[in-house]
């Protein structure tokens, strides 16, 4: 009968072999590339939204900006 330590070691060895196989087959890289593309698209969307907001703020007069920001102050 196997001891708990041997069972855990066997499970870790199997997991290591599965991970090595996934790396060799390119599965890990594909997942990383997919996640990088997803995060890049999210950053781009936020950047476009930020740019649009800054364009609106820049088009406002100083008084309008002050009035808009005054509503953000904690009371």
N, C-alpha and C. Protein backbone atom coordinates (compact mmCIF):
# COMPACT_ATOMS: atom_id res chain seq x y z
N UNK A 1 0.84 -1.18 0.00
CA UNK A 1 0.00 0.00 0.00
C UNK A 1 0.89 1.24 0.00
N UNK A 2 0.46 2.25 -0.75
CA UNK A 2 1.23 3.48 -0.85
C UNK A 2 0.96 4.41 0.32
N UNK A 3 2.01 5.07 0.77
CA UNK A 3 1.85 6.06 1.83
C UNK A 3 1.33 7.35 1.22
N UNK A 4 0.78 8.23 2.05
CA UNK A 4 0.22 9.50 1.56
C UNK A 4 1.26 10.32 0.80
N UNK A 5 2.46 10.35 1.29
CA UNK A 5 3.52 11.10 0.63
C UNK A 5 3.79 10.58 -0.77
N UNK A 6 3.78 9.26 -0.93
CA UNK A 6 4.01 8.66 -2.24
C UNK A 6 2.85 8.97 -3.20
N UNK A 7 1.64 8.97 -2.68
CA UNK A 7 0.47 9.27 -3.50
C UNK A 7 0.53 10.72 -3.99
N UNK A 8 0.86 11.63 -3.07
CA UNK A 8 0.96 13.05 -3.44
C UNK A 8 2.06 13.24 -4.47
N UNK A 9 3.21 12.59 -4.27
CA UNK A 9 4.31 12.69 -5.22
C UNK A 9 3.90 12.16 -6.59
N UNK A 10 3.19 11.07 -6.64
CA UNK A 10 2.71 10.50 -7.89
C UNK A 10 1.77 11.46 -8.60
N UNK A 11 0.86 12.07 -7.87
CA UNK A 11 -0.08 13.04 -8.45
C UNK A 11 0.68 14.23 -9.02
N UNK A 12 1.67 14.73 -8.27
CA UNK A 12 2.46 15.86 -8.74
C UNK A 12 3.27 15.50 -9.99
N UNK A 13 3.78 14.29 -10.05
CA UNK A 13 4.53 13.85 -11.23
C UNK A 13 3.61 13.77 -12.45
N UNK A 14 2.42 13.26 -12.26
CA UNK A 14 1.45 13.18 -13.36
C UNK A 14 1.08 14.58 -13.83
N UNK A 15 0.82 15.47 -12.87
CA UNK A 15 0.47 16.85 -13.23
C UNK A 15 1.62 17.51 -13.99
N UNK A 16 2.85 17.25 -13.56
CA UNK A 16 4.02 17.81 -14.25
C UNK A 16 4.13 17.31 -15.67
N UNK A 17 3.86 16.04 -15.88
CA UNK A 17 3.92 15.47 -17.23
C UNK A 17 2.81 16.05 -18.12
N UNK A 18 1.62 16.23 -17.57
CA UNK A 18 0.51 16.83 -18.33
C UNK A 18 0.87 18.27 -18.71
N UNK A 19 1.44 19.01 -17.77
CA UNK A 19 1.83 20.40 -18.04
C UNK A 19 2.92 20.45 -19.11
N UNK A 20 3.93 19.58 -19.00
CA UNK A 20 5.00 19.53 -20.00
C UNK A 20 4.43 19.22 -21.38
N UNK A 21 3.49 18.28 -21.46
CA UNK A 21 2.86 17.95 -22.73
C UNK A 21 2.11 19.15 -23.30
N UNK A 22 1.38 19.85 -22.44
CA UNK A 22 0.62 21.02 -22.89
C UNK A 22 1.56 22.11 -23.42
N UNK A 23 2.69 22.29 -22.76
CA UNK A 23 3.66 23.29 -23.21
C UNK A 23 4.22 22.87 -24.57
N UNK A 24 4.61 21.61 -24.71
CA UNK A 24 5.18 21.12 -25.97
C UNK A 24 4.18 21.24 -27.12
N UNK A 25 2.92 21.03 -26.84
CA UNK A 25 1.89 21.10 -27.88
C UNK A 25 1.49 22.54 -28.20
N UNK A 26 1.93 23.49 -27.39
CA UNK A 26 1.61 24.88 -27.64
C UNK A 26 0.31 25.34 -27.02
N UNK A 27 -0.34 24.49 -26.23
CA UNK A 27 -1.62 24.85 -25.63
C UNK A 27 -1.48 26.02 -24.65
N UNK A 28 -0.41 26.01 -23.88
CA UNK A 28 -0.20 27.07 -22.89
C UNK A 28 0.02 28.39 -23.61
N UNK A 29 0.84 28.40 -24.64
CA UNK A 29 1.14 29.62 -25.39
C UNK A 29 -0.13 30.17 -26.04
N UNK A 30 -0.95 29.31 -26.59
CA UNK A 30 -2.21 29.75 -27.22
C UNK A 30 -3.10 30.44 -26.20
N UNK A 31 -3.20 29.87 -25.02
CA UNK A 31 -4.02 30.47 -23.97
C UNK A 31 -3.47 31.81 -23.52
N UNK A 32 -2.15 31.89 -23.39
CA UNK A 32 -1.53 33.16 -23.02
C UNK A 32 -1.76 34.21 -24.09
N UNK A 33 -1.57 33.83 -25.35
CA UNK A 33 -1.79 34.77 -26.46
C UNK A 33 -3.23 35.26 -26.49
N UNK A 34 -4.17 34.35 -26.24
CA UNK A 34 -5.58 34.71 -26.24
C UNK A 34 -5.88 35.71 -25.11
N UNK A 35 -5.32 35.46 -23.93
CA UNK A 35 -5.54 36.35 -22.79
C UNK A 35 -4.88 37.71 -23.02
N UNK A 36 -3.69 37.72 -23.60
CA UNK A 36 -3.02 38.99 -23.91
C UNK A 36 -3.86 39.80 -24.89
N UNK A 37 -4.41 39.15 -25.91
CA UNK A 37 -5.26 39.85 -26.87
C UNK A 37 -6.51 40.40 -26.20
N UNK A 38 -7.10 39.64 -25.29
CA UNK A 38 -8.30 40.08 -24.58
C UNK A 38 -8.00 41.30 -23.72
N UNK A 39 -6.90 41.25 -22.97
CA UNK A 39 -6.54 42.36 -22.09
C UNK A 39 -6.15 43.60 -22.89
N UNK A 40 -5.48 43.40 -24.02
CA UNK A 40 -5.12 44.52 -24.88
C UNK A 40 -6.36 45.21 -25.42
N UNK A 41 -7.35 44.44 -25.82
CA UNK A 41 -8.60 45.02 -26.30
C UNK A 41 -9.30 45.80 -25.19
N UNK A 42 -9.27 45.28 -23.98
CA UNK A 42 -9.89 45.97 -22.85
C UNK A 42 -9.18 47.29 -22.55
N UNK A 43 -7.85 47.27 -22.61
CA UNK A 43 -7.08 48.50 -22.38
C UNK A 43 -7.38 49.51 -23.47
N UNK A 44 -7.45 49.07 -24.70
CA UNK A 44 -7.75 49.96 -25.82
C UNK A 44 -9.12 50.59 -25.66
N UNK A 45 -10.09 49.81 -25.25
CA UNK A 45 -11.45 50.35 -25.04
C UNK A 45 -11.44 51.41 -23.95
N UNK A 46 -10.72 51.12 -22.85
CA UNK A 46 -10.63 52.10 -21.76
C UNK A 46 -9.89 53.35 -22.21
N UNK A 47 -8.87 53.17 -23.02
CA UNK A 47 -8.09 54.31 -23.51
C UNK A 47 -8.96 55.18 -24.42
N UNK A 48 -9.75 54.55 -25.28
CA UNK A 48 -10.63 55.31 -26.16
C UNK A 48 -11.68 56.06 -25.35
N UNK A 49 -12.21 55.41 -24.33
CA UNK A 49 -13.20 56.08 -23.47
C UNK A 49 -12.56 57.24 -22.73
N UNK A 50 -11.33 57.04 -22.24
CA UNK A 50 -10.62 58.11 -21.54
C UNK A 50 -10.32 59.27 -22.46
N UNK A 51 -9.94 58.96 -23.69
CA UNK A 51 -9.64 60.01 -24.67
C UNK A 51 -10.90 60.81 -24.98
N UNK A 52 -12.01 60.12 -25.16
CA UNK A 52 -13.27 60.81 -25.44
C UNK A 52 -13.67 61.70 -24.27
N UNK A 53 -13.47 61.22 -23.03
CA UNK A 53 -13.80 62.01 -21.86
C UNK A 53 -12.92 63.25 -21.78
N UNK A 54 -11.61 63.07 -22.04
CA UNK A 54 -10.70 64.22 -21.99
C UNK A 54 -11.05 65.25 -23.07
N UNK A 55 -11.48 64.80 -24.23
CA UNK A 55 -11.90 65.73 -25.27
C UNK A 55 -13.09 66.55 -24.80
N UNK A 56 -14.03 65.91 -24.12
CA UNK A 56 -15.19 66.63 -23.59
C UNK A 56 -14.77 67.62 -22.51
N UNK A 57 -13.88 67.19 -21.62
CA UNK A 57 -13.41 68.08 -20.55
C UNK A 57 -12.66 69.26 -21.15
N UNK A 58 -11.80 68.99 -22.12
CA UNK A 58 -11.02 70.07 -22.73
C UNK A 58 -11.91 71.07 -23.47
N UNK A 59 -13.06 70.61 -23.93
CA UNK A 59 -13.97 71.51 -24.64
C UNK A 59 -14.78 72.37 -23.66
N UNK A 60 -14.78 72.00 -22.38
CA UNK A 60 -15.55 72.75 -21.38
C UNK A 60 -14.79 74.00 -20.95
N UNK A 61 -15.53 74.98 -20.51
CA UNK A 61 -14.90 76.17 -19.95
C UNK A 61 -14.41 75.85 -18.54
N UNK A 62 -13.53 76.70 -18.01
CA UNK A 62 -13.02 76.49 -16.65
C UNK A 62 -14.15 76.46 -15.63
N UNK A 63 -15.13 77.32 -15.82
CA UNK A 63 -16.26 77.36 -14.89
C UNK A 63 -17.05 76.06 -14.93
N UNK A 64 -17.26 75.52 -16.14
CA UNK A 64 -18.01 74.26 -16.27
C UNK A 64 -17.25 73.11 -15.61
N UNK A 65 -15.93 73.10 -15.78
CA UNK A 65 -15.11 72.04 -15.16
C UNK A 65 -15.20 72.15 -13.64
N UNK A 66 -15.05 73.37 -13.13
CA UNK A 66 -15.14 73.57 -11.68
C UNK A 66 -16.50 73.13 -11.14
N UNK A 67 -17.55 73.47 -11.87
CA UNK A 67 -18.90 73.09 -11.43
C UNK A 67 -19.06 71.57 -11.44
N UNK A 68 -18.54 70.92 -12.45
CA UNK A 68 -18.62 69.46 -12.53
C UNK A 68 -17.82 68.78 -11.45
N UNK A 69 -16.64 69.29 -11.16
CA UNK A 69 -15.79 68.68 -10.14
C UNK A 69 -16.28 68.96 -8.73
N UNK A 70 -16.95 70.08 -8.53
CA UNK A 70 -17.44 70.41 -7.19
C UNK A 70 -18.46 69.38 -6.70
N UNK A 71 -19.17 68.77 -7.63
CA UNK A 71 -20.15 67.75 -7.25
C UNK A 71 -19.50 66.47 -6.79
N UNK A 72 -18.20 66.30 -7.03
CA UNK A 72 -17.48 65.08 -6.65
C UNK A 72 -16.88 65.18 -5.25
N UNK A 73 -16.84 66.35 -4.69
CA UNK A 73 -16.24 66.53 -3.38
C UNK A 73 -17.10 65.88 -2.30
N UNK A 74 -16.47 65.17 -1.35
CA UNK A 74 -17.24 64.56 -0.26
C UNK A 74 -17.84 65.64 0.63
N UNK A 75 -19.00 65.32 1.15
CA UNK A 75 -19.69 66.30 1.99
C UNK A 75 -19.61 65.93 3.43
